[in-house]
Amino acid sequence: MIPTAEVDLLWERLDLVATRFRDVQAFGRLVPGRIAVRPTDPQRTLCLLLGSELHIYPCEPAEPTGALSGSAEAMLRLVYGRNRPEADAVTVTGAATLPDPRSLFPGYGPGHPPRLGP
């Protein structure tokens, strides 16, 4: 379990991680898209924008193509490439399925070589 203060800090830097550590092939399959990202604790809504670039903005997306929801900690693990499908209850609705964001964010570090986009 990640302490609340650290979860908040990681959410503040989530766009930085998401834009740099993403899989180029998965990104190409999912473009264009606007995914509503809705962590449940605390409740907030962000927009995962998949266009000429990938960004996560702190706003409600206009006409979302899908949605991700779950605990803030589980969703952080998803973007950091550390999703545990058996333990992290992340729900994906719309045009995408859970394997889509899991392949988009493969992680980094030992055993997770970064496949960086431009």
PDB file of N, CA and C in Angstrom:
ATOM      1  N   MET A   1       0.839  -1.184   0.000  1.00  0.00           N
ATOM      2  CA  MET A   1       0.000   0.000   0.000  1.00  0.00           C
ATOM      3  C   MET A   1       0.886   1.249   0.000  1.00  0.00           C
ATOM      4  N   ILE A   2       0.503   2.212  -0.818  1.00  0.00           N
ATOM      5  CA  ILE A   2       1.268   3.457  -0.926  1.00  0.00           C
ATOM      6  C   ILE A   2       0.630   4.482   0.016  1.00  0.00           C
ATOM      7  N   PRO A   3       1.422   5.123   0.882  1.00  0.00           N
ATOM      8  CA  PRO A   3       0.868   6.139   1.777  1.00  0.00           C
ATOM      9  C   PRO A   3       0.191   7.274   1.000  1.00  0.00           C
ATOM     10  N   THR A   4      -0.847   7.842   1.575  1.00  0.00           N
ATOM     11  CA  THR A   4      -1.664   8.866   0.919  1.00  0.00           C
ATOM     12  C   THR A   4      -0.844  10.054   0.416  1.00  0.00           C
ATOM     13  N   ALA A   5       0.094  10.539   1.200  1.00  0.00           N
ATOM     14  CA  ALA A   5       0.907  11.690   0.783  1.00  0.00           C
ATOM     15  C   ALA A   5       1.691  11.366  -0.486  1.00  0.00           C
ATOM     16  N   GLU A   6       2.216  10.139  -0.573  1.00  0.00           N
ATOM     17  CA  GLU A   6       2.968   9.740  -1.757  1.00  0.00           C
ATOM     18  C   GLU A   6       2.047   9.570  -2.965  1.00  0.00           C
ATOM     19  N   VAL A   7       0.843   9.033  -2.752  1.00  0.00           N
ATOM     20  CA  VAL A   7      -0.129   8.896  -3.841  1.00  0.00           C
ATOM     21  C   VAL A   7      -0.427  10.273  -4.432  1.00  0.00           C
ATOM     22  N   ASP A   8      -0.666  11.247  -3.567  1.00  0.00           N
ATOM     23  CA  ASP A   8      -0.952  12.613  -4.043  1.00  0.00           C
ATOM     24  C   ASP A   8       0.219  13.177  -4.841  1.00  0.00           C
ATOM     25  N   LEU A   9       1.435  12.975  -4.365  1.00  0.00           N
ATOM     26  CA  LEU A   9       2.625  13.466  -5.053  1.00  0.00           C
ATOM     27  C   LEU A   9       2.778  12.783  -6.414  1.00  0.00           C
ATOM     28  N   LEU A  10       2.564  11.490  -6.478  1.00  0.00           N
ATOM     29  CA  LEU A  10       2.676  10.764  -7.740  1.00  0.00           C
ATOM     30  C   LEU A  10       1.621  11.215  -8.746  1.00  0.00           C
ATOM     31  N   TRP A  11       0.403  11.521  -8.282  1.00  0.00           N
ATOM     32  CA  TRP A  11      -0.637  12.017  -9.191  1.00  0.00           C
ATOM     33  C   TRP A  11      -0.242  13.368  -9.773  1.00  0.00           C
ATOM     34  N   GLU A  12       0.431  14.199  -8.990  1.00  0.00           N
ATOM     35  CA  GLU A  12       0.864  15.509  -9.488  1.00  0.00           C
ATOM     36  C   GLU A  12       1.871  15.370 -10.628  1.00  0.00           C
ATOM     37  N   ARG A  13       2.609  14.282 -10.665  1.00  0.00           N
ATOM     38  CA  ARG A  13       3.650  14.073 -11.670  1.00  0.00           C
ATOM     39  C   ARG A  13       3.271  13.018 -12.713  1.00  0.00           C
ATOM     40  N   LEU A  14       2.020  12.598 -12.719  1.00  0.00           N
ATOM     41  CA  LEU A  14       1.587  11.509 -13.583  1.00  0.00           C
ATOM     42  C   LEU A  14       1.756  11.825 -15.065  1.00  0.00           C
ATOM     43  N   ASP A  15       1.461  13.041 -15.478  1.00  0.00           N
ATOM     44  CA  ASP A  15       1.615  13.395 -16.895  1.00  0.00           C
ATOM     45  C   ASP A  15       3.061  13.239 -17.335  1.00  0.00           C
ATOM     46  N   LEU A  16       3.982  13.638 -16.506  1.00  0.00           N
ATOM     47  CA  LEU A  16       5.407  13.529 -16.816  1.00  0.00           C
ATOM     48  C   LEU A  16       5.791  12.078 -17.090  1.00  0.00           C
ATOM     49  N   VAL A  17       5.334  11.157 -16.271  1.00  0.00           N
ATOM     50  CA  VAL A  17       5.640   9.737 -16.447  1.00  0.00           C
ATOM     51  C   VAL A  17       4.929   9.183 -17.675  1.00  0.00           C
ATOM     52  N   ALA A  18       3.639   9.494 -17.808  1.00  0.00           N
ATOM     53  CA  ALA A  18       2.838   8.954 -18.906  1.00  0.00           C
ATOM     54  C   ALA A  18       3.360   9.387 -20.272  1.00  0.00           C
ATOM     55  N   THR A  19       3.816  10.618 -20.380  1.00  0.00           N
ATOM     56  CA  THR A  19       4.285  11.112 -21.679  1.00  0.00           C
ATOM     57  C   THR A  19       5.617  10.496 -22.085  1.00  0.00           C
ATOM     58  N   ARG A  20       6.405  10.063 -21.118  1.00  0.00           N
ATOM     59  CA  ARG A  20       7.738   9.550 -21.433  1.00  0.00           C
ATOM     60  C   ARG A  20       7.814   8.032 -21.508  1.00  0.00           C
ATOM     61  N   PHE A  21       7.057   7.330 -20.703  1.00  0.00           N
ATOM     62  CA  PHE A  21       7.142   5.878 -20.641  1.00  0.00           C
ATOM     63  C   PHE A  21       5.861   5.265 -21.176  1.00  0.00           C
ATOM     64  N   ARG A  22       5.774   5.240 -22.490  1.00  0.00           N
ATOM     65  CA  ARG A  22       4.603   4.674 -23.152  1.00  0.00           C
ATOM     66  C   ARG A  22       5.075   3.847 -24.323  1.00  0.00           C
ATOM     67  N   ASP A  23       4.278   2.888 -24.709  1.00  0.00           N
ATOM     68  CA  ASP A  23       4.615   2.025 -25.821  1.00  0.00           C
ATOM     69  C   ASP A  23       4.124   2.660 -27.119  1.00  0.00           C
ATOM     70  N   VAL A  24       5.011   2.860 -28.060  1.00  0.00           N
ATOM     71  CA  VAL A  24       4.694   3.546 -29.307  1.00  0.00           C
ATOM     72  C   VAL A  24       3.657   2.780 -30.116  1.00  0.00           C
ATOM     73  N   GLN A  25       3.778   1.462 -30.192  1.00  0.00           N
ATOM     74  CA  GLN A  25       2.824   0.668 -30.977  1.00  0.00           C
ATOM     75  C   GLN A  25       1.424   0.716 -30.364  1.00  0.00           C
ATOM     76  N   ALA A  26       1.319   0.567 -29.060  1.00  0.00           N
ATOM     77  CA  ALA A  26       0.013   0.640 -28.398  1.00  0.00           C
ATOM     78  C   ALA A  26      -0.586   2.031 -28.572  1.00  0.00           C
ATOM     79  N   PHE A  27       0.237   3.051 -28.457  1.00  0.00           N
ATOM     80  CA  PHE A  27      -0.228   4.426 -28.658  1.00  0.00           C
ATOM     81  C   PHE A  27      -0.825   4.586 -30.050  1.00  0.00           C
ATOM     82  N   GLY A  28      -0.137   4.062 -31.064  1.00  0.00           N
ATOM     83  CA  GLY A  28      -0.617   4.151 -32.438  1.00  0.00           C
ATOM     84  C   GLY A  28      -1.957   3.458 -32.643  1.00  0.00           C
ATOM     85  N   ARG A  29      -2.193   2.358 -31.936  1.00  0.00           N
ATOM     86  CA  ARG A  29      -3.471   1.641 -32.038  1.00  0.00           C
ATOM     87  C   ARG A  29      -4.617   2.404 -31.383  1.00  0.00           C
ATOM     88  N   LEU A  30      -4.328   3.169 -30.343  1.00  0.00           N
ATOM     89  CA  LEU A  30      -5.379   3.823 -29.552  1.00  0.00           C
ATOM     90  C   LEU A  30      -5.702   5.246 -29.994  1.00  0.00           C
ATOM     91  N   VAL A  31      -4.857   5.833 -30.826  1.00  0.00           N
ATOM     92  CA  VAL A  31      -5.053   7.209 -31.295  1.00  0.00           C
ATOM     93  C   VAL A  31      -6.139   7.216 -32.363  1.00  0.00           C
ATOM     94  N   PRO A  32      -7.005   8.193 -32.427  1.00  0.00           N
ATOM     95  CA  PRO A  32      -7.214   9.274 -31.467  1.00  0.00           C
ATOM     96  C   PRO A  32      -8.163   8.821 -30.358  1.00  0.00           C
ATOM     97  N   GLY A  33      -8.069   9.439 -29.220  1.00  0.00           N
ATOM     98  CA  GLY A  33      -8.961   9.110 -28.121  1.00  0.00           C
ATOM     99  C   GLY A  33      -8.894  10.118 -26.999  1.00  0.00           C
ATOM    100  N   ARG A  34      -9.965  10.147 -26.241  1.00  0.00           N
ATOM    101  CA  ARG A  34     -10.063  10.968 -25.030  1.00  0.00           C
ATOM    102  C   ARG A  34     -10.672  10.070 -23.964  1.00  0.00           C
ATOM    103  N   ILE A  35      -9.858   9.643 -23.036  1.00  0.00           N
ATOM    104  CA  ILE A  35     -10.284   8.711 -22.005  1.00  0.00           C
ATOM    105  C   ILE A  35     -10.467   9.473 -20.689  1.00  0.00           C
ATOM    106  N   ALA A  36     -11.633   9.335 -20.090  1.00  0.00           N
ATOM    107  CA  ALA A  36     -11.870   9.913 -18.765  1.00  0.00           C
ATOM    108  C   ALA A  36     -11.184   9.014 -17.740  1.00  0.00           C
ATOM    109  N   VAL A  37     -10.348   9.604 -16.908  1.00  0.00           N
ATOM    110  CA  VAL A  37      -9.634   8.881 -15.859  1.00  0.00           C
ATOM    111  C   VAL A  37     -10.259   9.315 -14.544  1.00  0.00           C
ATOM    112  N   ARG A  38     -10.900   8.358 -13.844  1.00  0.00           N
ATOM    113  CA  ARG A  38     -11.670   8.701 -12.653  1.00  0.00           C
ATOM    114  C   ARG A  38     -11.245   7.884 -11.439  1.00  0.00           C
ATOM    115  N   PRO A  39     -10.209   8.342 -10.734  1.00  0.00           N
ATOM    116  CA  PRO A  39      -9.867   7.670  -9.475  1.00  0.00           C
ATOM    117  C   PRO A  39     -10.982   7.906  -8.452  1.00  0.00           C
ATOM    118  N   THR A  40     -11.173   6.919  -7.589  1.00  0.00           N
ATOM    119  CA  THR A  40     -12.291   6.975  -6.641  1.00  0.00           C
ATOM    120  C   THR A  40     -11.922   7.512  -5.271  1.00  0.00           C
ATOM    121  N   ASP A  41     -10.627   7.662  -4.987  1.00  0.00           N
ATOM    122  CA  ASP A  41     -10.241   8.090  -3.641  1.00  0.00           C
ATOM    123  C   ASP A  41      -8.975   8.943  -3.653  1.00  0.00           C
ATOM    124  N   PRO A  42      -9.064  10.204  -3.694  1.00  0.00           N
ATOM    125  CA  PRO A  42     -10.281  11.017  -3.736  1.00  0.00           C
ATOM    126  C   PRO A  42     -10.850  11.056  -5.154  1.00  0.00           C
ATOM    127  N   GLN A  43     -12.124  11.341  -5.226  1.00  0.00           N
ATOM    128  CA  GLN A  43     -12.772  11.413  -6.524  1.00  0.00           C
ATOM    129  C   GLN A  43     -12.289  12.646  -7.273  1.00  0.00           C
ATOM    130  N   ARG A  44     -11.920  12.426  -8.501  1.00  0.00           N
ATOM    131  CA  ARG A  44     -11.509  13.498  -9.399  1.00  0.00           C
ATOM    132  C   ARG A  44     -11.646  12.958 -10.817  1.00  0.00           C
ATOM    133  N   THR A  45     -11.576  13.821 -11.794  1.00  0.00           N
ATOM    134  CA  THR A  45     -11.621  13.376 -13.183  1.00  0.00           C
ATOM    135  C   THR A  45     -10.495  14.036 -13.948  1.00  0.00           C
ATOM    136  N   LEU A  46      -9.800  13.233 -14.720  1.00  0.00           N
ATOM    137  CA  LEU A  46      -8.731  13.711 -15.582  1.00  0.00           C
ATOM    138  C   LEU A  46      -9.021  13.238 -16.996  1.00  0.00           C
ATOM    139  N   CYS A  47      -8.314  13.812 -17.937  1.00  0.00           N
ATOM    140  CA  CYS A  47      -8.473  13.435 -19.338  1.00  0.00           C
ATOM    141  C   CYS A  47      -7.153  12.864 -19.852  1.00  0.00           C
ATOM    142  N   LEU A  48      -7.191  11.602 -20.289  1.00  0.00           N
ATOM    143  CA  LEU A  48      -6.054  10.998 -20.969  1.00  0.00           C
ATOM    144  C   LEU A  48      -6.276  11.274 -22.444  1.00  0.00           C
ATOM    145  N   LEU A  49      -5.498  12.204 -22.969  1.00  0.00           N
ATOM    146  CA  LEU A  49      -5.642  12.637 -24.354  1.00  0.00           C
ATOM    147  C   LEU A  49      -4.639  11.876 -25.224  1.00  0.00           C
ATOM    148  N   LEU A  50      -5.172  11.176 -26.205  1.00  0.00           N
ATOM    149  CA  LEU A  50      -4.348  10.422 -27.141  1.00  0.00           C
ATOM    150  C   LEU A  50      -4.527  11.057 -28.511  1.00  0.00           C
ATOM    151  N   GLY A  51      -3.600  11.905 -28.867  1.00  0.00           N
ATOM    152  CA  GLY A  51      -3.661  12.623 -30.139  1.00  0.00           C
ATOM    153  C   GLY A  51      -2.292  12.630 -30.766  1.00  0.00           C
ATOM    154  N   SER A  52      -1.836  13.787 -31.221  1.00  0.00           N
ATOM    155  CA  SER A  52      -0.486  13.852 -31.767  1.00  0.00           C
ATOM    156  C   SER A  52       0.536  13.561 -30.671  1.00  0.00           C
ATOM    157  N   GLU A  53       0.149  13.799 -29.433  1.00  0.00           N
ATOM    158  CA  GLU A  53       0.944  13.465 -28.250  1.00  0.00           C
ATOM    159  C   GLU A  53       0.023  12.822 -27.225  1.00  0.00           C
ATOM    160  N   LEU A  54       0.592  12.269 -26.182  1.00  0.00           N
ATOM    161  CA  LEU A  54      -0.168  11.712 -25.068  1.00  0.00           C
ATOM    162  C   LEU A  54      -0.001  12.644 -23.881  1.00  0.00           C
ATOM    163  N   HIS A  55      -1.112  13.011 -23.256  1.00  0.00           N
ATOM    164  CA  HIS A  55      -1.072  13.828 -22.037  1.00  0.00           C
ATOM    165  C   HIS A  55      -2.212  13.443 -21.119  1.00  0.00           C
ATOM    166  N   ILE A  56      -2.025  13.704 -19.840  1.00  0.00           N
ATOM    167  CA  ILE A  56      -3.088  13.544 -18.849  1.00  0.00           C
ATOM    168  C   ILE A  56      -3.332  14.914 -18.246  1.00  0.00           C
ATOM    169  N   TYR A  57      -4.525  15.449 -18.514  1.00  0.00           N
ATOM    170  CA  TYR A  57      -4.884  16.793 -18.041  1.00  0.00           C
ATOM    171  C   TYR A  57      -5.911  16.705 -16.913  1.00  0.00           C
ATOM    172  N   PRO A  58      -5.867  17.639 -15.963  1.00  0.00           N
ATOM    173  CA  PRO A  58      -6.846  17.647 -14.863  1.00  0.00           C
ATOM    174  C   PRO A  58      -8.164  18.297 -15.276  1.00  0.00           C
ATOM    175  N   CYS A  59      -8.915  17.621 -16.150  1.00  0.00           N
ATOM    176  CA  CYS A  59     -10.203  18.152 -16.584  1.00  0.00           C
ATOM    177  C   CYS A  59     -11.083  17.025 -17.102  1.00  0.00           C
ATOM    178  N   GLU A  60     -12.351  17.283 -17.216  1.00  0.00           N
ATOM    179  CA  GLU A  60     -13.306  16.335 -17.794  1.00  0.00           C
ATOM    180  C   GLU A  60     -13.133  16.361 -19.314  1.00  0.00           C
ATOM    181  N   PRO A  61     -12.952  15.194 -19.946  1.00  0.00           N
ATOM    182  CA  PRO A  61     -12.789  15.216 -21.400  1.00  0.00           C
ATOM    183  C   PRO A  61     -14.114  15.480 -22.117  1.00  0.00           C
ATOM    184  N   ALA A  62     -14.050  16.239 -23.192  1.00  0.00           N
ATOM    185  CA  ALA A  62     -15.217  16.455 -24.033  1.00  0.00           C
ATOM    186  C   ALA A  62     -15.407  15.209 -24.886  1.00  0.00           C
ATOM    187  N   GLU A  63     -16.606  14.681 -24.915  1.00  0.00           N
ATOM    188  CA  GLU A  63     -16.940  13.503 -25.710  1.00  0.00           C
ATOM    189  C   GLU A  63     -15.920  12.376 -25.543  1.00  0.00           C
ATOM    190  N   PRO A  64     -15.804  11.815 -24.330  1.00  0.00           N
ATOM    191  CA  PRO A  64     -14.811  10.758 -24.108  1.00  0.00           C
ATOM    192  C   PRO A  64     -15.110   9.511 -24.937  1.00  0.00           C
ATOM    193  N   THR A  65     -14.042   8.851 -25.376  1.00  0.00           N
ATOM    194  CA  THR A  65     -14.177   7.597 -26.113  1.00  0.00           C
ATOM    195  C   THR A  65     -14.169   6.402 -25.167  1.00  0.00           C
ATOM    196  N   GLY A  66     -13.876   6.646 -23.897  1.00  0.00           N
ATOM    197  CA  GLY A  66     -13.850   5.585 -22.904  1.00  0.00           C
ATOM    198  C   GLY A  66     -13.570   6.153 -21.539  1.00  0.00           C
ATOM    199  N   ALA A  67     -13.485   5.260 -20.551  1.00  0.00           N
ATOM    200  CA  ALA A  67     -13.224   5.690 -19.179  1.00  0.00           C
ATOM    201  C   ALA A  67     -12.435   4.615 -18.437  1.00  0.00           C
ATOM    202  N   LEU A  68     -11.572   5.078 -17.554  1.00  0.00           N
ATOM    203  CA  LEU A  68     -10.844   4.229 -16.613  1.00  0.00           C
ATOM    204  C   LEU A  68     -11.285   4.645 -15.221  1.00  0.00           C
ATOM    205  N   SER A  69     -11.584   3.694 -14.369  1.00  0.00           N
ATOM    206  CA  SER A  69     -11.908   4.042 -12.989  1.00  0.00           C
ATOM    207  C   SER A  69     -11.358   2.976 -12.057  1.00  0.00           C
ATOM    208  N   GLY A  70     -11.102   3.402 -10.834  1.00  0.00           N
ATOM    209  CA  GLY A  70     -10.559   2.523  -9.810  1.00  0.00           C
ATOM    210  C   GLY A  70      -9.917   3.365  -8.725  1.00  0.00           C
ATOM    211  N   SER A  71      -9.312   2.700  -7.767  1.00  0.00           N
ATOM    212  CA  SER A  71      -8.661   3.451  -6.691  1.00  0.00           C
ATOM    213  C   SER A  71      -7.483   4.232  -7.265  1.00  0.00           C
ATOM    214  N   ALA A  72      -7.141   5.331  -6.621  1.00  0.00           N
ATOM    215  CA  ALA A  72      -6.020   6.164  -7.079  1.00  0.00           C
ATOM    216  C   ALA A  72      -4.733   5.347  -7.105  1.00  0.00           C
ATOM    217  N   GLU A  73      -4.532   4.516  -6.117  1.00  0.00           N
ATOM    218  CA  GLU A  73      -3.316   3.701  -6.046  1.00  0.00           C
ATOM    219  C   GLU A  73      -3.265   2.678  -7.185  1.00  0.00           C
ATOM    220  N   ALA A  74      -4.375   2.006  -7.459  1.00  0.00           N
ATOM    221  CA  ALA A  74      -4.418   1.007  -8.539  1.00  0.00           C
ATOM    222  C   ALA A  74      -4.184   1.663  -9.898  1.00  0.00           C
ATOM    223  N   MET A  75      -4.738   2.845 -10.077  1.00  0.00           N
ATOM    224  CA  MET A  75      -4.566   3.537 -11.354  1.00  0.00           C
ATOM    225  C   MET A  75      -3.137   4.056 -11.514  1.00  0.00           C
ATOM    226  N   LEU A  76      -2.495   4.447 -10.427  1.00  0.00           N
ATOM    227  CA  LEU A  76      -1.081   4.821 -10.494  1.00  0.00           C
ATOM    228  C   LEU A  76      -0.249   3.628 -10.936  1.00  0.00           C
ATOM    229  N   ARG A  77      -0.514   2.465 -10.336  1.00  0.00           N
ATOM    230  CA  ARG A  77       0.239   1.274 -10.727  1.00  0.00           C
ATOM    231  C   ARG A  77       0.037   0.965 -12.210  1.00  0.00           C
ATOM    232  N   LEU A  78      -1.159   1.197 -12.720  1.00  0.00           N
ATOM    233  CA  LEU A  78      -1.433   0.959 -14.134  1.00  0.00           C
ATOM    234  C   LEU A  78      -0.534   1.831 -15.014  1.00  0.00           C
ATOM    235  N   VAL A  79      -0.493   3.134 -14.745  1.00  0.00           N
ATOM    236  CA  VAL A  79       0.302   4.053 -15.561  1.00  0.00           C
ATOM    237  C   VAL A  79       1.804   3.821 -15.363  1.00  0.00           C
ATOM    238  N   TYR A  80       2.207   3.384 -14.183  1.00  0.00           N
ATOM    239  CA  TYR A  80       3.613   3.109 -13.927  1.00  0.00           C
ATOM    240  C   TYR A  80       4.028   1.719 -14.412  1.00  0.00           C
ATOM    241  N   GLY A  81       3.104   0.990 -15.056  1.00  0.00           N
ATOM    242  CA  GLY A  81       3.418  -0.317 -15.598  1.00  0.00           C
ATOM    243  C   GLY A  81       3.496  -1.413 -14.555  1.00  0.00           C
ATOM    244  N   ARG A  82       2.841  -1.211 -13.434  1.00  0.00           N
ATOM    245  CA  ARG A  82       2.888  -2.181 -12.337  1.00  0.00           C
ATOM    246  C   ARG A  82       1.494  -2.712 -11.971  1.00  0.00           C
ATOM    247  N   ASN A  83       0.574  -2.694 -12.937  1.00  0.00           N
ATOM    248  CA  ASN A  83      -0.793  -3.162 -12.698  1.00  0.00           C
ATOM    249  C   ASN A  83      -0.812  -4.632 -12.287  1.00  0.00           C
ATOM    250  N   ARG A  84      -1.633  -4.934 -11.271  1.00  0.00           N
ATOM    251  CA  ARG A  84      -1.817  -6.306 -10.807  1.00  0.00           C
ATOM    252  C   ARG A  84      -3.283  -6.669 -11.050  1.00  0.00           C
ATOM    253  N   PRO A  85      -3.607  -7.278 -12.189  1.00  0.00           N
ATOM    254  CA  PRO A  85      -5.008  -7.530 -12.539  1.00  0.00           C
ATOM    255  C   PRO A  85      -5.764  -8.316 -11.473  1.00  0.00           C
ATOM    256  N   GLU A  86      -5.067  -9.204 -10.761  1.00  0.00           N
ATOM    257  CA  GLU A  86      -5.734 -10.003  -9.744  1.00  0.00           C
ATOM    258  C   GLU A  86      -6.045  -9.210  -8.472  1.00  0.00           C
ATOM    259  N   ALA A  87      -5.376  -8.077  -8.272  1.00  0.00           N
ATOM    260  CA  ALA A  87      -5.561  -7.303  -7.045  1.00  0.00           C
ATOM    261  C   ALA A  87      -6.041  -5.874  -7.275  1.00  0.00           C
ATOM    262  N   ASP A  88      -5.721  -5.294  -8.437  1.00  0.00           N
ATOM    263  CA  ASP A  88      -6.070  -3.897  -8.713  1.00  0.00           C
ATOM    264  C   ASP A  88      -7.374  -3.843  -9.495  1.00  0.00           C
ATOM    265  N   ALA A  89      -8.409  -3.377  -8.843  1.00  0.00           N
ATOM    266  CA  ALA A  89      -9.719  -3.286  -9.497  1.00  0.00           C
ATOM    267  C   ALA A  89      -9.788  -2.010 -10.331  1.00  0.00           C
ATOM    268  N   VAL A  90      -9.346  -2.110 -11.580  1.00  0.00           N
ATOM    269  CA  VAL A  90      -9.441  -1.003 -12.527  1.00  0.00           C
ATOM    270  C   VAL A  90     -10.467  -1.403 -13.572  1.00  0.00           C
ATOM    271  N   THR A  91     -11.430  -0.523 -13.805  1.00  0.00           N
ATOM    272  CA  THR A  91     -12.483  -0.776 -14.771  1.00  0.00           C
ATOM    273  C   THR A  91     -12.249   0.075 -16.007  1.00  0.00           C
ATOM    274  N   VAL A  92     -12.402  -0.532 -17.165  1.00  0.00           N
ATOM    275  CA  VAL A  92     -12.247   0.167 -18.438  1.00  0.00           C
ATOM    276  C   VAL A  92     -13.560   0.025 -19.196  1.00  0.00           C
ATOM    277  N   THR A  93     -14.095   1.156 -19.647  1.00  0.00           N
ATOM    278  CA  THR A  93     -15.325   1.126 -20.435  1.00  0.00           C
ATOM    279  C   THR A  93     -15.103   1.900 -21.730  1.00  0.00           C
ATOM    280  N   GLY A  94     -15.977   1.669 -22.680  1.00  0.00           N
ATOM    281  CA  GLY A  94     -15.885   2.375 -23.953  1.00  0.00           C
ATOM    282  C   GLY A  94     -15.144   1.546 -24.978  1.00  0.00           C
ATOM    283  N   ALA A  95     -14.395   2.226 -25.827  1.00  0.00           N
ATOM    284  CA  ALA A  95     -13.719   1.590 -26.956  1.00  0.00           C
ATOM    285  C   ALA A  95     -12.510   0.750 -26.539  1.00  0.00           C
ATOM    286  N   ALA A  96     -11.995   0.924 -25.342  1.00  0.00           N
ATOM    287  CA  ALA A  96     -10.791   0.218 -24.893  1.00  0.00           C
ATOM    288  C   ALA A  96     -11.146  -0.906 -23.916  1.00  0.00           C
ATOM    289  N   THR A  97     -10.193  -1.821 -23.744  1.00  0.00           N
ATOM    290  CA  THR A  97     -10.296  -2.866 -22.736  1.00  0.00           C
ATOM    291  C   THR A  97      -9.065  -2.760 -21.844  1.00  0.00           C
ATOM    292  N   LEU A  98      -9.035  -3.440 -20.717  1.00  0.00           N
ATOM    293  CA  LEU A  98      -7.914  -3.333 -19.783  1.00  0.00           C
ATOM    294  C   LEU A  98      -6.564  -3.651 -20.427  1.00  0.00           C
ATOM    295  N   PRO A  99      -6.463  -4.616 -21.349  1.00  0.00           N
ATOM    296  CA  PRO A  99      -5.154  -4.828 -21.979  1.00  0.00           C
ATOM    297  C   PRO A  99      -4.629  -3.610 -22.751  1.00  0.00           C
ATOM    298  N   ASP A 100      -5.515  -2.729 -23.204  1.00  0.00           N
ATOM    299  CA  ASP A 100      -5.059  -1.543 -23.944  1.00  0.00           C
ATOM    300  C   ASP A 100      -4.211  -0.614 -23.082  1.00  0.00           C
ATOM    301  N   PRO A 101      -4.711  -0.114 -21.934  1.00  0.00           N
ATOM    302  CA  PRO A 101      -3.833   0.742 -21.129  1.00  0.00           C
ATOM    303  C   PRO A 101      -2.657  -0.016 -20.525  1.00  0.00           C
ATOM    304  N   ARG A 102      -2.812  -1.308 -20.280  1.00  0.00           N
ATOM    305  CA  ARG A 102      -1.680  -2.087 -19.765  1.00  0.00           C
ATOM    306  C   ARG A 102      -0.566  -2.157 -20.796  1.00  0.00           C
ATOM    307  N   SER A 103      -0.906  -2.288 -22.080  1.00  0.00           N
ATOM    308  CA  SER A 103       0.146  -2.311 -23.103  1.00  0.00           C
ATOM    309  C   SER A 103       0.664  -0.902 -23.405  1.00  0.00           C
ATOM    310  N   LEU A 104      -0.182   0.101 -23.253  1.00  0.00           N
ATOM    311  CA  LEU A 104       0.237   1.487 -23.477  1.00  0.00           C
ATOM    312  C   LEU A 104       1.293   1.909 -22.462  1.00  0.00           C
ATOM    313  N   PHE A 105       1.137   1.460 -21.220  1.00  0.00           N
ATOM    314  CA  PHE A 105       2.061   1.822 -20.135  1.00  0.00           C
ATOM    315  C   PHE A 105       2.791   0.569 -19.642  1.00  0.00           C
ATOM    316  N   PRO A 106       3.854   0.139 -20.348  1.00  0.00           N
ATOM    317  CA  PRO A 106       4.525  -1.112 -20.009  1.00  0.00           C
ATOM    318  C   PRO A 106       5.426  -1.046 -18.779  1.00  0.00           C
ATOM    319  N   GLY A 107       5.698   0.143 -18.289  1.00  0.00           N
ATOM    320  CA  GLY A 107       6.587   0.280 -17.137  1.00  0.00           C
ATOM    321  C   GLY A 107       8.017   0.537 -17.569  1.00  0.00           C
ATOM    322  N   TYR A 108       8.903   0.544 -16.600  1.00  0.00           N
ATOM    323  CA  TYR A 108      10.312   0.818 -16.833  1.00  0.00           C
ATOM    324  C   TYR A 108      11.099   0.181 -15.715  1.00  0.00           C
ATOM    325  N   GLY A 109      12.392   0.110 -15.892  1.00  0.00           N
ATOM    326  CA  GLY A 109      13.259  -0.496 -14.889  1.00  0.00           C
ATOM    327  C   GLY A 109      13.595  -1.927 -15.270  1.00  0.00           C
ATOM    328  N   PRO A 110      14.259  -2.676 -14.372  1.00  0.00           N
ATOM    329  CA  PRO A 110      14.640  -4.060 -14.660  1.00  0.00           C
ATOM    330  C   PRO A 110      13.420  -4.884 -15.061  1.00  0.00           C
ATOM    331  N   GLY A 111      13.537  -5.559 -16.172  1.00  0.00           N
ATOM    332  CA  GLY A 111      12.425  -6.387 -16.649  1.00  0.00           C
ATOM    333  C   GLY A 111      11.380  -5.613 -17.417  1.00  0.00           C
ATOM    334  N   HIS A 112      11.498  -4.293 -17.445  1.00  0.00           N
ATOM    335  CA  HIS A 112      10.550  -3.443 -18.151  1.00  0.00           C
ATOM    336  C   HIS A 112      11.331  -2.416 -18.965  1.00  0.00           C
ATOM    337  N   PRO A 113      11.951  -2.831 -20.071  1.00  0.00           N
ATOM    338  CA  PRO A 113      12.713  -1.836 -20.838  1.00  0.00           C
ATOM    339  C   PRO A 113      11.778  -0.790 -21.421  1.00  0.00           C
ATOM    340  N   PRO A 114      12.116   0.483 -21.302  1.00  0.00           N
ATOM    341  CA  PRO A 114      11.248   1.520 -21.847  1.00  0.00           C
ATOM    342  C   PRO A 114      11.216   1.458 -23.363  1.00  0.00           C
ATOM    343  N   ARG A 115      10.019   1.627 -23.897  1.00  0.00           N
ATOM    344  CA  ARG A 115       9.851   1.751 -25.341  1.00  0.00           C
ATOM    345  C   ARG A 115       9.273   3.149 -25.542  1.00  0.00           C
ATOM    346  N   LEU A 116      10.171   4.080 -25.594  1.00  0.00           N
ATOM    347  CA  LEU A 116       9.792   5.479 -25.581  1.00  0.00           C
ATOM    348  C   LEU A 116       9.335   5.950 -26.951  1.00  0.00           C
ATOM    349  N   GLY A 117       8.369   6.849 -26.900  1.00  0.00           N
ATOM    350  CA  GLY A 117       7.907   7.483 -28.128  1.00  0.00           C
ATOM    351  C   GLY A 117       8.673   8.758 -28.381  1.00  0.00           C
ATOM    352  N   PRO A 118       8.422   9.360 -29.540  1.00  0.00           N
ATOM    353  CA  PRO A 118       9.128  10.606 -29.858  1.00  0.00           C
ATOM    354  C   PRO A 118       8.727  11.721 -28.924  1.00  0.00           C
TER     355      PRO A 118
END
